Amino acid sequence: MMRILVVEDNPDLAYGLRNNLEIEGYQVEVADDGTKGLARARDGRPDLIILDLMLPGMDGFRVLRALREAGRTMPVLILTARGEEADKVRGLRLGADDYVTKPFGVLELLARVEALLRRAAPPLPGKNGGPPPERFGDIEVIPASRTVLRSGQPVPLTPKEFDLLVALLRRRGAVVTRLDLLREVWGYSAEVLSRTVDTHVAELRRKLETDPAAPRHILTVRKAGYRLEK
């Protein structure tokens, strides 16, 4: 049974999340402040964390930073307030895998949880050790170890950033729409409206492009989507 830790100080929201997740077959633990949440994440090693950013004691940003600095790689889905774009970007930069904006629908949240857990599952061992490394510019992508190097130095990407980069590489320079990326990388349906792709592309550019404001490799195709130019 997959284990989910919910770190949320609103008792009604925490109760609703717990009920709906348990109905789906997950084992759920709830922490009502950041300090407890961090301790339970370290000790219990959940498969996924749902983390509110605005928490008493220790806010969600500090919890997330502490987890990633301690080497914890489980997927983290952050809960943000409507319109707080800066919070979403900051959370993703600290290592969050995705976000949901309050108020949110239960079906949307469950779809994102399922997609994150599916993507985080270890791959089945392949006969040939996985696909060969890919290169563009001074970037080397090694799918077998989920490693990215820039000029020979490791680049710390979140799991979703890595999956997005691989999805662009697979297109061999062809344009891929935002909707296709949402379906392939996050497993969302067409009904889910999100700026997730744009936010993650911006982070990839920040980490991999020499000049993120004028990218040479990860390109926007107006009114279509993105493509990767080697």
Protein backbone atom coordinates (compact mmCIF):
# COMPACT_ATOMS: atom_id res chain seq x y z
CA MET A 1 0.00 0.00 0.00
CA MET A 2 1.36 3.41 -0.98
CA ARG A 3 1.88 5.79 1.94
CA ILE A 4 1.03 9.49 1.70
CA LEU A 5 1.87 12.19 4.23
CA VAL A 6 -0.46 15.21 4.28
CA VAL A 7 1.03 18.30 5.94
CA GLU A 8 -1.90 20.70 6.35
CA ASP A 9 -2.97 22.86 9.30
CA ASN A 10 -6.58 23.36 8.19
CA PRO A 11 -8.38 20.50 9.98
CA ASP A 12 -11.35 20.41 7.58
CA LEU A 13 -9.13 20.29 4.50
CA ALA A 14 -6.82 17.72 6.09
CA TYR A 15 -9.82 15.55 7.01
CA GLY A 16 -11.21 15.75 3.47
CA LEU A 17 -7.87 14.91 1.90
CA ARG A 18 -7.38 11.96 4.21
CA ASN A 19 -10.84 10.55 3.54
CA ASN A 20 -10.59 10.82 -0.24
CA LEU A 21 -7.08 9.40 -0.37
CA GLU A 22 -8.02 6.47 1.89
CA ILE A 23 -11.03 5.73 -0.32
CA GLU A 24 -8.55 5.42 -3.21
CA GLY A 25 -6.59 2.84 -1.23
CA TYR A 26 -3.70 4.92 0.10
CA GLN A 27 -2.37 4.77 3.65
CA VAL A 28 -2.50 8.34 4.94
CA GLU A 29 -0.83 10.17 7.81
CA VAL A 30 -1.58 13.81 8.68
CA ALA A 31 0.67 16.41 10.33
CA ASP A 32 -0.77 19.80 11.29
CA ASP A 33 2.40 21.89 11.27
CA GLY A 34 5.71 22.04 9.46
CA THR A 35 7.90 20.76 12.28
CA LYS A 36 5.81 17.61 12.75
CA GLY A 37 5.56 17.15 9.01
CA LEU A 38 9.33 17.26 8.54
CA ALA A 39 9.89 14.78 11.38
CA ARG A 40 7.32 12.33 10.00
CA ALA A 41 8.69 12.68 6.47
CA ARG A 42 12.18 11.84 7.73
CA ASP A 43 11.15 8.99 10.00
CA GLY A 44 8.28 7.47 8.06
CA ARG A 45 9.66 7.83 4.51
CA PRO A 46 6.26 8.23 2.78
CA ASP A 47 5.93 7.51 -0.93
CA LEU A 48 4.50 11.00 -1.54
CA ILE A 49 3.96 14.20 0.45
CA ILE A 50 1.12 16.70 0.03
CA LEU A 51 2.54 19.88 1.53
CA ASP A 52 0.76 23.15 2.29
CA LEU A 53 3.11 26.11 1.99
CA MET A 54 1.53 28.27 4.67
CA LEU A 55 2.07 26.32 7.89
CA PRO A 56 2.60 27.26 11.54
CA GLY A 57 5.96 26.67 13.16
CA MET A 58 7.91 25.90 9.99
CA ASP A 59 6.46 26.90 6.63
CA GLY A 60 6.29 24.56 3.68
CA PHE A 61 9.25 26.16 1.90
CA ARG A 62 11.57 25.37 4.83
CA VAL A 63 10.18 21.83 5.09
CA LEU A 64 10.77 21.26 1.39
CA ARG A 65 14.30 22.68 1.47
CA ALA A 66 15.21 20.54 4.49
CA LEU A 67 13.90 17.38 2.81
CA ARG A 68 15.80 17.92 -0.42
CA GLU A 69 19.00 18.93 1.38
CA ALA A 70 18.72 15.69 3.39
CA GLY A 71 18.55 13.72 0.13
CA ARG A 72 14.86 12.76 0.35
CA THR A 73 13.62 12.27 -3.22
CA MET A 74 9.97 11.30 -2.74
CA PRO A 75 7.51 13.33 -4.87
CA VAL A 76 6.15 16.46 -3.20
CA LEU A 77 2.88 18.06 -4.28
CA ILE A 78 2.55 21.57 -2.87
CA LEU A 79 -0.70 23.39 -2.10
CA THR A 80 -0.63 27.10 -2.98
CA ALA A 81 -3.05 30.01 -2.66
CA ARG A 82 -4.83 31.30 -5.76
CA GLY A 83 -2.82 33.92 -7.61
CA GLU A 84 0.43 33.34 -5.70
CA GLU A 85 2.55 32.67 -8.79
CA ALA A 86 5.79 33.50 -6.96
CA ASP A 87 5.04 30.79 -4.37
CA LYS A 88 4.62 28.19 -7.10
CA VAL A 89 7.89 29.10 -8.77
CA ARG A 90 9.76 29.20 -5.45
CA GLY A 91 8.35 25.81 -4.47
CA LEU A 92 9.39 24.24 -7.77
CA ARG A 93 12.88 25.69 -7.45
CA LEU A 94 13.19 24.15 -4.00
CA GLY A 95 12.37 20.73 -5.44
CA ALA A 96 8.58 20.35 -5.50
CA ASP A 97 7.34 18.08 -8.29
CA ASP A 98 3.97 19.72 -8.88
CA TYR A 99 1.43 22.07 -7.33
CA VAL A 100 -2.32 22.43 -6.88
CA THR A 101 -3.94 25.82 -6.38
CA LYS A 102 -6.57 26.25 -3.66
CA PRO A 103 -9.46 25.81 -3.98
CA PHE A 104 -9.04 22.62 -6.01
CA GLY A 105 -11.22 19.74 -7.10
CA VAL A 106 -10.72 16.34 -5.51
CA LEU A 107 -10.52 14.59 -8.89
CA GLU A 108 -7.76 16.94 -10.05
CA LEU A 109 -5.72 16.34 -6.90
CA LEU A 110 -6.17 12.57 -7.09
CA ALA A 111 -5.10 12.58 -10.75
CA ARG A 112 -1.93 14.46 -9.88
CA VAL A 113 -1.15 12.18 -6.95
CA GLU A 114 -1.58 9.10 -9.15
CA ALA A 115 0.59 10.57 -11.91
CA LEU A 116 3.37 11.53 -9.49
CA LEU A 117 3.42 8.09 -7.89
CA ARG A 118 3.43 6.38 -11.27
CA ARG A 119 6.35 8.48 -12.49
CA ALA A 120 8.30 7.94 -9.26
CA ALA A 121 8.03 4.15 -9.47
CA PRO A 122 11.41 2.53 -10.26
CA PRO A 123 11.70 1.43 -13.91
CA LEU A 124 11.73 -2.23 -14.78
CA PRO A 125 15.22 -3.46 -15.57
CA GLY A 126 15.88 -3.49 -19.31
CA LYS A 127 17.93 -5.97 -21.27
CA ASN A 128 20.26 -3.33 -22.66
CA GLY A 129 20.60 -1.09 -19.62
CA GLY A 130 18.29 1.59 -20.98
CA PRO A 131 18.63 4.07 -23.86
CA PRO A 132 22.02 5.62 -24.66
CA PRO A 133 23.02 9.10 -23.44
CA GLU A 134 21.81 12.13 -25.43
CA ARG A 135 23.66 15.39 -26.02
CA PHE A 136 22.78 18.96 -26.99
CA GLY A 137 25.15 21.88 -26.64
CA ASP A 138 27.23 21.26 -23.51
CA ILE A 139 24.45 19.14 -21.96
CA GLU A 140 24.60 15.34 -21.60
CA VAL A 141 21.47 13.43 -20.56
CA ILE A 142 21.92 9.88 -19.23
CA PRO A 143 18.45 8.25 -19.01
CA ALA A 144 19.63 5.02 -17.35
CA SER A 145 20.80 6.88 -14.24
CA ARG A 146 18.46 9.89 -14.68
CA THR A 147 21.54 12.11 -14.65
CA VAL A 148 22.11 15.41 -16.44
CA LEU A 149 25.58 16.90 -16.86
CA ARG A 150 26.48 20.42 -18.00
CA SER A 151 30.09 20.71 -19.12
CA GLY A 152 30.68 17.50 -17.19
CA GLN A 153 29.17 18.78 -13.95
CA PRO A 154 25.93 17.30 -12.51
CA VAL A 155 22.81 19.48 -12.77
CA PRO A 156 20.22 18.84 -10.02
CA LEU A 157 16.86 18.43 -11.78
CA THR A 158 13.63 17.49 -10.08
CA PRO A 159 12.02 14.24 -11.32
CA LYS A 160 9.47 16.18 -13.35
CA GLU A 161 12.09 18.45 -14.91
CA PHE A 162 14.04 15.36 -15.99
CA ASP A 163 10.93 13.69 -17.46
CA LEU A 164 10.06 16.89 -19.33
CA LEU A 165 13.56 17.14 -20.78
CA VAL A 166 13.45 13.52 -21.95
CA ALA A 167 10.01 14.07 -23.52
CA LEU A 168 11.41 16.98 -25.54
CA LEU A 169 14.50 14.99 -26.55
CA ARG A 170 12.35 12.13 -27.84
CA ARG A 171 10.74 14.44 -30.40
CA ARG A 172 14.09 14.94 -32.19
CA GLY A 173 13.47 18.65 -32.76
CA ALA A 174 9.76 18.36 -33.58
CA VAL A 175 7.23 20.63 -31.88
CA VAL A 176 5.31 19.14 -28.93
CA THR A 177 2.24 20.88 -27.57
CA ARG A 178 1.69 21.79 -23.92
CA LEU A 179 -1.26 19.39 -23.80
CA ASP A 180 0.86 16.50 -25.10
CA LEU A 181 3.52 17.29 -22.50
CA LEU A 182 0.90 17.38 -19.74
CA ARG A 183 -0.39 13.98 -20.82
CA GLU A 184 3.04 12.37 -21.28
CA VAL A 185 4.91 13.80 -18.29
CA TRP A 186 2.15 14.38 -15.75
CA GLY A 187 -0.54 11.99 -16.97
CA TYR A 188 -3.24 14.68 -16.96
CA SER A 189 -6.38 14.70 -19.04
CA ALA A 190 -7.41 17.52 -21.37
CA GLU A 191 -9.78 18.86 -18.71
CA VAL A 192 -6.96 19.83 -16.36
CA LEU A 193 -5.95 23.45 -16.90
CA SER A 194 -2.44 24.23 -15.66
CA ARG A 195 0.65 26.37 -16.24
CA THR A 196 2.75 23.51 -14.97
CA VAL A 197 4.53 22.95 -18.30
CA ASP A 198 5.50 26.61 -18.72
CA THR A 199 6.84 26.81 -15.16
CA HIS A 200 8.94 23.66 -15.55
CA VAL A 201 10.27 24.77 -18.95
CA ALA A 202 11.37 28.06 -17.36
CA GLU A 203 13.24 26.10 -14.69
CA LEU A 204 14.93 23.86 -17.27
CA ARG A 205 16.11 26.95 -19.15
CA ARG A 206 17.41 28.51 -15.94
CA LYS A 207 19.46 25.39 -15.18
CA LEU A 208 20.58 24.36 -18.68
CA GLU A 209 20.72 27.41 -20.94
CA THR A 210 23.65 29.83 -21.00
CA ASP A 211 21.16 32.70 -21.34
CA PRO A 212 17.70 31.59 -20.18
CA ALA A 213 16.15 34.80 -21.54
CA ALA A 214 17.42 33.94 -25.03
CA PRO A 215 17.46 30.12 -25.09
CA ARG A 216 19.35 28.29 -27.83
CA HIS A 217 18.04 24.78 -27.21
CA ILE A 218 14.68 24.71 -25.39
CA LEU A 219 12.59 26.83 -27.73
CA THR A 220 9.04 28.16 -27.62
CA VAL A 221 6.95 27.70 -30.76
CA ARG A 222 4.32 30.43 -30.66
CA LYS A 223 0.75 29.17 -30.28
CA ALA A 224 1.99 25.57 -30.53
CA GLY A 225 4.28 24.45 -27.70
CA TYR A 226 7.99 23.71 -27.37
CA ARG A 227 10.79 21.96 -29.19
CA LEU A 228 14.39 21.06 -28.36
CA GLU A 229 17.07 22.21 -30.80
CA LYS A 230 20.38 20.35 -30.58
